[in-house]
């Protein structure tokens, strides 16, 4: 079992008037190479924006982070990866993505890298606001895109059970 406690997750919205970018370094993930199980979560309020007012609106008006605190993916990597062999492997994880309290079945493509005994994963995918009932007021249509590009980068450590606890 491998864990990551500081996955970097970036949100990017490109609209007519401005681009919006937010970053969280607080993504958490568990990967079981034996079964392919892959779980991710990120607390919505950990996303940081360049402009404070954007962060406030993101949390209160769009994501309602007090009510829907986390985005979660629970799935399974479809390919069997031999993590004892170094390399970069194209992978796809099929499962359920829950954002804003709405769960959607998704297959998300990415890559898994094994180098010097360290496992890391990266992915880039699109989340459609409408699929997760995230409403964008018509007045802000030119400021916020309907599709958000999500980029994920995670480096894993072998999970060690601490017998002293």
N, C-alpha and C. Protein backbone atom coordinates (compact mmCIF):
# COMPACT_ATOMS: atom_id res chain seq x y z
N UNK A 1 0.85 -1.17 0.00
CA UNK A 1 0.00 0.00 0.00
C UNK A 1 0.90 1.24 0.00
N UNK A 2 0.54 2.20 -0.82
CA UNK A 2 1.30 3.45 -0.93
C UNK A 2 0.38 4.62 -0.64
N UNK A 3 0.94 5.67 -0.02
CA UNK A 3 0.14 6.84 0.31
C UNK A 3 0.85 8.12 -0.15
N UNK A 4 0.04 9.13 -0.40
CA UNK A 4 0.54 10.47 -0.71
C UNK A 4 -0.30 11.44 0.10
N UNK A 5 0.37 12.30 0.85
CA UNK A 5 -0.34 13.26 1.71
C UNK A 5 -0.27 14.69 1.19
N UNK A 6 0.43 14.90 0.07
CA UNK A 6 0.62 16.27 -0.42
C UNK A 6 0.55 16.35 -1.95
N UNK A 7 -0.44 15.69 -2.52
CA UNK A 7 -0.61 15.75 -3.97
C UNK A 7 -0.92 17.19 -4.39
N UNK A 8 -0.34 17.59 -5.51
CA UNK A 8 -0.57 18.93 -6.06
C UNK A 8 -1.71 18.83 -7.07
N UNK A 9 -2.75 19.61 -6.81
CA UNK A 9 -3.91 19.61 -7.69
C UNK A 9 -4.14 21.04 -8.15
N UNK A 10 -4.18 21.22 -9.46
CA UNK A 10 -4.35 22.54 -10.05
C UNK A 10 -5.67 22.59 -10.81
N UNK A 11 -6.40 23.67 -10.62
CA UNK A 11 -7.62 23.93 -11.37
C UNK A 11 -7.33 25.09 -12.31
N UNK A 12 -7.78 24.97 -13.57
CA UNK A 12 -7.55 26.05 -14.52
C UNK A 12 -8.82 26.27 -15.34
N UNK A 13 -9.24 27.52 -15.38
CA UNK A 13 -10.41 27.92 -16.15
C UNK A 13 -9.98 29.01 -17.13
N UNK A 14 -10.18 28.74 -18.40
CA UNK A 14 -9.85 29.73 -19.41
C UNK A 14 -11.14 30.25 -20.02
N UNK A 15 -11.44 31.51 -19.75
CA UNK A 15 -12.65 32.13 -20.27
C UNK A 15 -12.28 33.35 -21.10
N UNK A 16 -13.27 33.96 -21.74
CA UNK A 16 -13.01 35.08 -22.65
C UNK A 16 -12.29 36.25 -21.98
N UNK A 17 -12.70 36.61 -20.77
CA UNK A 17 -12.15 37.81 -20.14
C UNK A 17 -10.89 37.52 -19.33
N UNK A 18 -10.88 36.39 -18.60
CA UNK A 18 -9.69 36.11 -17.79
C UNK A 18 -9.51 34.62 -17.54
N UNK A 19 -8.28 34.25 -17.26
CA UNK A 19 -7.96 32.89 -16.86
C UNK A 19 -7.93 32.86 -15.33
N UNK A 20 -8.41 31.75 -14.79
CA UNK A 20 -8.42 31.58 -13.34
C UNK A 20 -7.67 30.30 -13.02
N UNK A 21 -6.76 30.41 -12.04
CA UNK A 21 -5.96 29.25 -11.64
C UNK A 21 -5.97 29.15 -10.12
N UNK A 22 -6.09 27.92 -9.64
CA UNK A 22 -6.02 27.66 -8.20
C UNK A 22 -5.20 26.40 -7.98
N UNK A 23 -4.47 26.37 -6.85
CA UNK A 23 -3.60 25.24 -6.55
C UNK A 23 -3.80 24.80 -5.11
N UNK A 24 -3.83 23.48 -4.93
CA UNK A 24 -3.81 22.89 -3.59
C UNK A 24 -2.63 21.94 -3.52
N UNK A 25 -1.92 21.97 -2.43
CA UNK A 25 -0.82 21.02 -2.18
C UNK A 25 -1.26 20.00 -1.13
N UNK A 26 -2.56 19.87 -0.93
CA UNK A 26 -3.07 19.07 0.18
C UNK A 26 -3.90 17.87 -0.26
N UNK A 27 -3.71 17.43 -1.51
CA UNK A 27 -4.43 16.24 -1.96
C UNK A 27 -3.90 15.01 -1.25
N UNK A 28 -4.80 14.08 -0.98
CA UNK A 28 -4.41 12.83 -0.33
C UNK A 28 -4.80 11.67 -1.22
N UNK A 29 -3.94 10.64 -1.24
CA UNK A 29 -4.21 9.50 -2.11
C UNK A 29 -3.67 8.22 -1.49
N UNK A 30 -4.36 7.14 -1.81
CA UNK A 30 -3.92 5.79 -1.43
C UNK A 30 -3.93 4.95 -2.70
N UNK A 31 -2.85 4.20 -2.92
CA UNK A 31 -2.72 3.33 -4.09
C UNK A 31 -2.29 1.95 -3.63
N UNK A 32 -3.05 0.95 -4.07
CA UNK A 32 -2.71 -0.44 -3.80
C UNK A 32 -2.32 -1.09 -5.11
N UNK A 33 -1.00 -1.29 -5.37
CA UNK A 33 -0.58 -1.85 -6.65
C UNK A 33 -1.04 -3.29 -6.85
N UNK A 34 -1.32 -4.01 -5.78
CA UNK A 34 -1.78 -5.39 -5.90
C UNK A 34 -3.17 -5.50 -6.50
N UNK A 35 -4.06 -4.59 -6.10
CA UNK A 35 -5.45 -4.62 -6.58
C UNK A 35 -5.74 -3.54 -7.62
N UNK A 36 -4.87 -2.53 -7.70
CA UNK A 36 -5.10 -1.40 -8.59
C UNK A 36 -5.98 -0.32 -7.97
N UNK A 37 -6.45 -0.54 -6.74
CA UNK A 37 -7.31 0.46 -6.07
C UNK A 37 -6.59 1.80 -5.96
N UNK A 38 -7.28 2.88 -6.33
CA UNK A 38 -6.72 4.22 -6.28
C UNK A 38 -7.79 5.17 -5.75
N UNK A 39 -7.50 5.80 -4.62
CA UNK A 39 -8.42 6.77 -4.03
C UNK A 39 -7.71 8.11 -3.89
N UNK A 40 -8.42 9.17 -4.19
CA UNK A 40 -7.92 10.54 -4.05
C UNK A 40 -8.95 11.36 -3.31
N UNK A 41 -8.50 12.34 -2.54
CA UNK A 41 -9.42 13.33 -1.98
C UNK A 41 -8.66 14.64 -1.80
N UNK A 42 -9.41 15.72 -1.88
CA UNK A 42 -8.84 17.04 -1.60
C UNK A 42 -9.91 17.89 -0.93
N UNK A 43 -9.52 18.57 0.11
CA UNK A 43 -10.42 19.50 0.79
C UNK A 43 -10.51 20.76 -0.06
N UNK A 44 -11.71 21.11 -0.45
CA UNK A 44 -11.94 22.22 -1.39
C UNK A 44 -11.34 23.53 -0.88
N UNK A 45 -11.45 23.80 0.40
CA UNK A 45 -10.97 25.08 0.94
C UNK A 45 -9.45 25.21 0.92
N UNK A 46 -8.71 24.14 0.55
CA UNK A 46 -7.24 24.24 0.48
C UNK A 46 -6.76 24.85 -0.83
N UNK A 47 -7.65 25.08 -1.79
CA UNK A 47 -7.23 25.68 -3.05
C UNK A 47 -6.91 27.16 -2.83
N UNK A 48 -5.76 27.58 -3.33
CA UNK A 48 -5.30 28.95 -3.20
C UNK A 48 -5.35 29.65 -4.56
N UNK A 49 -5.89 30.85 -4.58
CA UNK A 49 -6.01 31.67 -5.79
C UNK A 49 -5.09 32.87 -5.68
N UNK A 50 -4.75 33.46 -6.82
CA UNK A 50 -3.95 34.69 -6.81
C UNK A 50 -4.72 35.86 -6.19
N UNK A 51 -6.03 35.87 -6.39
CA UNK A 51 -6.85 36.96 -5.88
C UNK A 51 -7.77 36.43 -4.78
N UNK A 52 -7.72 37.07 -3.61
CA UNK A 52 -8.48 36.62 -2.44
C UNK A 52 -9.98 36.56 -2.72
N UNK A 53 -10.51 37.53 -3.46
CA UNK A 53 -11.95 37.53 -3.72
C UNK A 53 -12.37 36.33 -4.56
N UNK A 54 -11.48 35.87 -5.45
CA UNK A 54 -11.79 34.68 -6.25
C UNK A 54 -11.90 33.45 -5.34
N UNK A 55 -10.99 33.36 -4.40
CA UNK A 55 -10.98 32.24 -3.47
C UNK A 55 -12.27 32.24 -2.63
N UNK A 56 -12.66 33.42 -2.19
CA UNK A 56 -13.88 33.54 -1.39
C UNK A 56 -15.11 33.11 -2.19
N UNK A 57 -15.24 33.62 -3.43
CA UNK A 57 -16.39 33.27 -4.27
C UNK A 57 -16.37 31.78 -4.63
N UNK A 58 -15.19 31.25 -4.91
CA UNK A 58 -15.04 29.84 -5.25
C UNK A 58 -15.61 28.98 -4.11
N UNK A 59 -15.21 29.29 -2.88
CA UNK A 59 -15.64 28.49 -1.72
C UNK A 59 -17.11 28.71 -1.35
N UNK A 60 -17.55 29.96 -1.33
CA UNK A 60 -18.91 30.23 -0.85
C UNK A 60 -19.97 30.12 -1.94
N UNK A 61 -19.72 30.70 -3.11
CA UNK A 61 -20.76 30.79 -4.14
C UNK A 61 -20.83 29.59 -5.08
N UNK A 62 -19.70 29.01 -5.45
CA UNK A 62 -19.70 27.96 -6.46
C UNK A 62 -19.56 26.56 -5.86
N UNK A 63 -18.54 26.36 -5.07
CA UNK A 63 -18.27 25.02 -4.53
C UNK A 63 -19.00 24.75 -3.22
N UNK A 64 -19.48 25.79 -2.56
CA UNK A 64 -20.18 25.63 -1.28
C UNK A 64 -19.38 24.69 -0.36
N UNK A 65 -18.11 25.05 -0.15
CA UNK A 65 -17.18 24.16 0.55
C UNK A 65 -17.55 23.90 2.01
N UNK A 66 -18.39 24.74 2.60
CA UNK A 66 -18.88 24.43 3.96
C UNK A 66 -19.79 23.20 3.92
N UNK A 67 -20.54 23.07 2.84
CA UNK A 67 -21.50 21.97 2.69
C UNK A 67 -20.86 20.75 2.02
N UNK A 68 -20.04 21.00 1.00
CA UNK A 68 -19.39 19.93 0.23
C UNK A 68 -17.88 20.10 0.40
N UNK A 69 -17.35 19.62 1.50
CA UNK A 69 -15.98 19.92 1.91
C UNK A 69 -14.90 19.31 1.03
N UNK A 70 -15.19 18.16 0.40
CA UNK A 70 -14.13 17.47 -0.34
C UNK A 70 -14.58 17.07 -1.74
N UNK A 71 -13.58 16.94 -2.61
CA UNK A 71 -13.76 16.28 -3.89
C UNK A 71 -13.06 14.93 -3.74
N UNK A 72 -13.71 13.87 -4.22
CA UNK A 72 -13.21 12.51 -3.99
C UNK A 72 -13.28 11.70 -5.27
N UNK A 73 -12.22 10.93 -5.53
CA UNK A 73 -12.23 9.93 -6.59
C UNK A 73 -11.92 8.59 -5.96
N UNK A 74 -12.77 7.61 -6.23
CA UNK A 74 -12.53 6.24 -5.78
C UNK A 74 -12.62 5.35 -7.01
N UNK A 75 -11.49 4.70 -7.31
CA UNK A 75 -11.50 3.90 -8.52
C UNK A 75 -10.42 2.84 -8.52
N UNK A 76 -10.20 2.34 -9.71
CA UNK A 76 -9.24 1.26 -9.88
C UNK A 76 -8.48 1.46 -11.19
N UNK A 77 -7.16 1.33 -11.09
CA UNK A 77 -6.34 1.40 -12.30
C UNK A 77 -6.57 0.10 -13.08
N UNK A 78 -6.88 0.25 -14.36
CA UNK A 78 -7.25 -0.90 -15.18
C UNK A 78 -6.06 -1.77 -15.57
N UNK A 79 -4.89 -1.16 -15.71
CA UNK A 79 -3.70 -1.90 -16.13
C UNK A 79 -2.98 -2.45 -14.90
N UNK A 80 -2.44 -3.67 -15.03
CA UNK A 80 -1.60 -4.19 -13.93
C UNK A 80 -0.18 -3.69 -14.17
N UNK A 81 0.34 -2.95 -13.20
CA UNK A 81 1.68 -2.37 -13.31
C UNK A 81 2.62 -3.12 -12.37
N UNK A 82 3.73 -3.59 -12.91
CA UNK A 82 4.76 -4.23 -12.08
C UNK A 82 5.63 -3.11 -11.52
N UNK A 83 5.38 -2.74 -10.28
CA UNK A 83 6.08 -1.60 -9.68
C UNK A 83 7.54 -1.91 -9.32
N UNK A 84 7.97 -3.15 -9.59
CA UNK A 84 9.39 -3.48 -9.38
C UNK A 84 10.22 -3.11 -10.60
N UNK A 85 9.55 -2.76 -11.70
CA UNK A 85 10.25 -2.40 -12.94
C UNK A 85 10.12 -0.91 -13.20
N UNK A 86 11.26 -0.24 -13.34
CA UNK A 86 11.23 1.20 -13.61
C UNK A 86 10.63 1.48 -14.99
N UNK A 87 9.98 2.62 -15.08
CA UNK A 87 9.41 3.02 -16.36
C UNK A 87 8.27 3.99 -16.17
N UNK A 88 7.76 4.45 -17.30
CA UNK A 88 6.58 5.32 -17.31
C UNK A 88 5.48 4.54 -18.01
N UNK A 89 4.35 4.42 -17.34
CA UNK A 89 3.26 3.59 -17.83
C UNK A 89 2.00 4.43 -18.02
N UNK A 90 1.38 4.29 -19.20
CA UNK A 90 0.07 4.93 -19.42
C UNK A 90 -0.96 4.11 -18.66
N UNK A 91 -1.79 4.79 -17.88
CA UNK A 91 -2.80 4.10 -17.09
C UNK A 91 -4.15 4.80 -17.23
N UNK A 92 -5.20 4.07 -16.92
CA UNK A 92 -6.52 4.67 -16.83
C UNK A 92 -7.19 4.12 -15.58
N UNK A 93 -7.79 5.03 -14.82
CA UNK A 93 -8.48 4.67 -13.60
C UNK A 93 -9.98 4.87 -13.82
N UNK A 94 -10.74 3.81 -13.55
CA UNK A 94 -12.18 3.86 -13.70
C UNK A 94 -12.81 3.84 -12.32
N UNK A 95 -13.73 4.76 -12.08
CA UNK A 95 -14.36 4.81 -10.78
C UNK A 95 -15.38 5.92 -10.70
N UNK A 96 -15.53 6.48 -9.50
CA UNK A 96 -16.51 7.52 -9.27
C UNK A 96 -15.85 8.79 -8.76
N UNK A 97 -16.18 9.90 -9.41
CA UNK A 97 -15.69 11.21 -9.03
C UNK A 97 -16.85 11.98 -8.39
N UNK A 98 -16.64 12.39 -7.13
CA UNK A 98 -17.65 13.16 -6.43
C UNK A 98 -17.15 14.58 -6.22
N UNK A 99 -17.85 15.53 -6.81
CA UNK A 99 -17.54 16.95 -6.67
C UNK A 99 -18.85 17.67 -6.40
N UNK A 100 -18.86 18.57 -5.42
CA UNK A 100 -20.04 19.38 -5.10
C UNK A 100 -21.23 18.48 -4.76
N UNK A 101 -20.93 17.33 -4.14
CA UNK A 101 -21.98 16.40 -3.72
C UNK A 101 -22.58 15.55 -4.82
N UNK A 102 -22.08 15.67 -6.04
CA UNK A 102 -22.61 14.92 -7.18
C UNK A 102 -21.56 13.91 -7.65
N UNK A 103 -21.96 12.65 -7.74
CA UNK A 103 -21.05 11.57 -8.14
C UNK A 103 -21.28 11.20 -9.60
N UNK A 104 -20.19 11.13 -10.34
CA UNK A 104 -20.22 10.74 -11.75
C UNK A 104 -19.25 9.59 -11.98
N UNK A 105 -19.66 8.60 -12.79
CA UNK A 105 -18.72 7.55 -13.18
C UNK A 105 -17.76 8.15 -14.20
N UNK A 106 -16.47 7.89 -13.99
CA UNK A 106 -15.45 8.47 -14.87
C UNK A 106 -14.33 7.47 -15.13
N UNK A 107 -13.72 7.59 -16.28
CA UNK A 107 -12.44 6.94 -16.56
C UNK A 107 -11.46 8.07 -16.81
N UNK A 108 -10.43 8.12 -15.97
CA UNK A 108 -9.46 9.21 -16.03
C UNK A 108 -8.12 8.63 -16.43
N UNK A 109 -7.54 9.19 -17.48
CA UNK A 109 -6.25 8.72 -17.98
C UNK A 109 -5.11 9.49 -17.33
N UNK A 110 -3.97 8.83 -17.23
CA UNK A 110 -2.81 9.48 -16.65
C UNK A 110 -1.57 8.64 -16.88
N UNK A 111 -0.54 8.94 -16.12
CA UNK A 111 0.67 8.14 -16.21
C UNK A 111 1.18 7.82 -14.81
N UNK A 112 1.77 6.65 -14.70
CA UNK A 112 2.38 6.19 -13.47
C UNK A 112 3.85 5.99 -13.77
N UNK A 113 4.71 6.55 -12.92
CA UNK A 113 6.15 6.43 -13.13
C UNK A 113 6.76 5.74 -11.92
N UNK A 114 7.64 4.77 -12.21
CA UNK A 114 8.44 4.14 -11.18
C UNK A 114 9.89 4.48 -11.47
N UNK A 115 10.54 5.15 -10.53
CA UNK A 115 11.95 5.52 -10.70
C UNK A 115 12.63 5.49 -9.34
N UNK A 116 13.72 4.78 -9.26
CA UNK A 116 14.47 4.64 -8.01
C UNK A 116 13.59 4.18 -6.85
N UNK A 117 12.65 3.29 -7.16
CA UNK A 117 11.77 2.75 -6.14
C UNK A 117 10.65 3.68 -5.72
N UNK A 118 10.53 4.83 -6.36
CA UNK A 118 9.49 5.82 -6.01
C UNK A 118 8.40 5.79 -7.07
N UNK A 119 7.17 5.76 -6.60
CA UNK A 119 6.01 5.77 -7.49
C UNK A 119 5.42 7.18 -7.52
N UNK A 120 5.17 7.68 -8.73
CA UNK A 120 4.47 8.96 -8.86
C UNK A 120 3.44 8.83 -9.98
N UNK A 121 2.39 9.62 -9.86
CA UNK A 121 1.32 9.62 -10.86
C UNK A 121 0.98 11.04 -11.25
N UNK A 122 0.62 11.20 -12.52
CA UNK A 122 0.14 12.48 -13.02
C UNK A 122 -1.09 12.25 -13.89
N UNK A 123 -1.94 13.26 -13.95
CA UNK A 123 -3.12 13.18 -14.79
C UNK A 123 -3.59 14.58 -15.10
N UNK A 124 -4.27 14.70 -16.23
CA UNK A 124 -4.92 15.95 -16.61
C UNK A 124 -6.26 15.58 -17.22
N UNK A 125 -7.33 16.17 -16.71
CA UNK A 125 -8.66 15.84 -17.20
C UNK A 125 -9.59 17.04 -17.02
N UNK A 126 -10.75 16.95 -17.61
CA UNK A 126 -11.73 18.03 -17.59
C UNK A 126 -12.90 17.66 -16.67
N UNK A 127 -13.31 18.63 -15.87
CA UNK A 127 -14.53 18.49 -15.08
C UNK A 127 -15.52 19.53 -15.59
N UNK A 128 -16.68 19.07 -16.01
CA UNK A 128 -17.73 19.98 -16.48
C UNK A 128 -18.55 20.44 -15.28
N UNK A 129 -18.64 21.75 -15.10
CA UNK A 129 -19.39 22.31 -13.97
C UNK A 129 -20.82 21.78 -13.94
N UNK A 130 -21.48 21.73 -15.08
CA UNK A 130 -22.88 21.29 -15.14
C UNK A 130 -23.04 19.85 -14.66
N UNK A 131 -22.05 19.00 -14.90
CA UNK A 131 -22.14 17.59 -14.47
C UNK A 131 -22.21 17.46 -12.96
N UNK A 132 -21.73 18.47 -12.24
CA UNK A 132 -21.70 18.42 -10.79
C UNK A 132 -22.57 19.52 -10.15
N UNK A 133 -23.50 20.04 -10.94
CA UNK A 133 -24.47 21.05 -10.49
C UNK A 133 -23.80 22.28 -9.87
N UNK A 134 -22.69 22.68 -10.51
CA UNK A 134 -22.01 23.90 -10.10
C UNK A 134 -22.53 25.00 -11.03
N UNK A 135 -23.33 25.89 -10.47
CA UNK A 135 -23.98 26.92 -11.27
C UNK A 135 -23.08 28.13 -11.45
N UNK A 136 -22.97 28.57 -12.70
CA UNK A 136 -22.23 29.79 -13.02
C UNK A 136 -23.26 30.83 -13.47
N UNK A 137 -23.42 31.91 -12.73
CA UNK A 137 -24.38 32.94 -13.13
C UNK A 137 -24.07 33.47 -14.53
N UNK A 138 -25.12 33.72 -15.28
CA UNK A 138 -24.97 34.22 -16.66
C UNK A 138 -24.07 35.46 -16.72
N UNK A 139 -24.16 36.31 -15.73
CA UNK A 139 -23.36 37.54 -15.72
C UNK A 139 -21.85 37.25 -15.66
N UNK A 140 -21.48 36.08 -15.14
CA UNK A 140 -20.07 35.72 -15.03
C UNK A 140 -19.61 34.74 -16.11
N UNK A 141 -20.48 34.49 -17.09
CA UNK A 141 -20.18 33.52 -18.14
C UNK A 141 -18.86 33.81 -18.86
N UNK A 142 -18.53 35.07 -19.05
CA UNK A 142 -17.30 35.43 -19.75
C UNK A 142 -16.07 35.38 -18.85
N UNK A 143 -16.28 35.21 -17.54
CA UNK A 143 -15.17 35.16 -16.58
C UNK A 143 -14.81 33.73 -16.18
N UNK A 144 -15.78 32.84 -16.18
CA UNK A 144 -15.57 31.48 -15.68
C UNK A 144 -16.00 30.49 -16.76
N UNK A 145 -15.11 29.57 -17.10
CA UNK A 145 -15.41 28.58 -18.12
C UNK A 145 -16.34 27.50 -17.56
N UNK A 146 -17.08 26.86 -18.46
CA UNK A 146 -17.97 25.77 -18.06
C UNK A 146 -17.20 24.48 -17.80
N UNK A 147 -16.01 24.38 -18.38
CA UNK A 147 -15.16 23.21 -18.22
C UNK A 147 -13.89 23.62 -17.50
N UNK A 148 -13.55 22.89 -16.44
CA UNK A 148 -12.38 23.19 -15.64
C UNK A 148 -11.33 22.11 -15.89
N UNK A 149 -10.12 22.55 -16.23
CA UNK A 149 -9.03 21.59 -16.41
C UNK A 149 -8.41 21.31 -15.05
N UNK A 150 -8.32 20.03 -14.71
CA UNK A 150 -7.76 19.59 -13.45
C UNK A 150 -6.45 18.85 -13.74
N UNK A 151 -5.38 19.25 -13.06
CA UNK A 151 -4.09 18.58 -13.20
C UNK A 151 -3.70 18.06 -11.82
N UNK A 152 -3.29 16.79 -11.79
CA UNK A 152 -2.94 16.14 -10.53
C UNK A 152 -1.52 15.59 -10.63
N UNK A 153 -0.72 15.79 -9.58
CA UNK A 153 0.62 15.20 -9.49
C UNK A 153 0.80 14.68 -8.07
N UNK A 154 1.09 13.39 -7.95
CA UNK A 154 1.23 12.76 -6.63
C UNK A 154 2.46 11.88 -6.60
N UNK A 155 3.21 11.97 -5.51
CA UNK A 155 4.35 11.09 -5.28
C UNK A 155 4.05 10.29 -4.01
N UNK A 156 4.24 9.00 -4.11
CA UNK A 156 3.80 8.08 -3.06
C UNK A 156 4.96 7.56 -2.21
N UNK A 157 4.62 7.29 -0.94
CA UNK A 157 5.52 6.63 -0.01
C UNK A 157 4.89 5.31 0.38
N UNK A 158 5.74 4.33 0.63
CA UNK A 158 5.26 3.05 1.11
C UNK A 158 4.62 3.26 2.48
N UNK A 159 3.40 2.76 2.65
CA UNK A 159 2.71 2.92 3.93
C UNK A 159 3.30 1.92 4.92
N UNK A 160 3.75 2.45 6.04
CA UNK A 160 4.34 1.60 7.08
C UNK A 160 3.45 1.65 8.30
N UNK A 161 3.07 0.50 8.77
CA UNK A 161 2.27 0.43 9.99
C UNK A 161 3.22 0.61 11.17
N UNK A 162 2.85 1.55 12.03
CA UNK A 162 3.68 1.85 13.20
C UNK A 162 3.18 1.01 14.37
N UNK A 163 3.94 -0.06 14.75
CA UNK A 163 3.46 -0.96 15.81
C UNK A 163 3.44 -0.31 17.19
N UNK A 164 4.08 0.84 17.36
CA UNK A 164 4.11 1.47 18.69
C UNK A 164 2.85 2.24 19.01
N UNK A 165 1.94 2.38 18.04
CA UNK A 165 0.70 3.14 18.28
C UNK A 165 -0.43 2.21 18.67
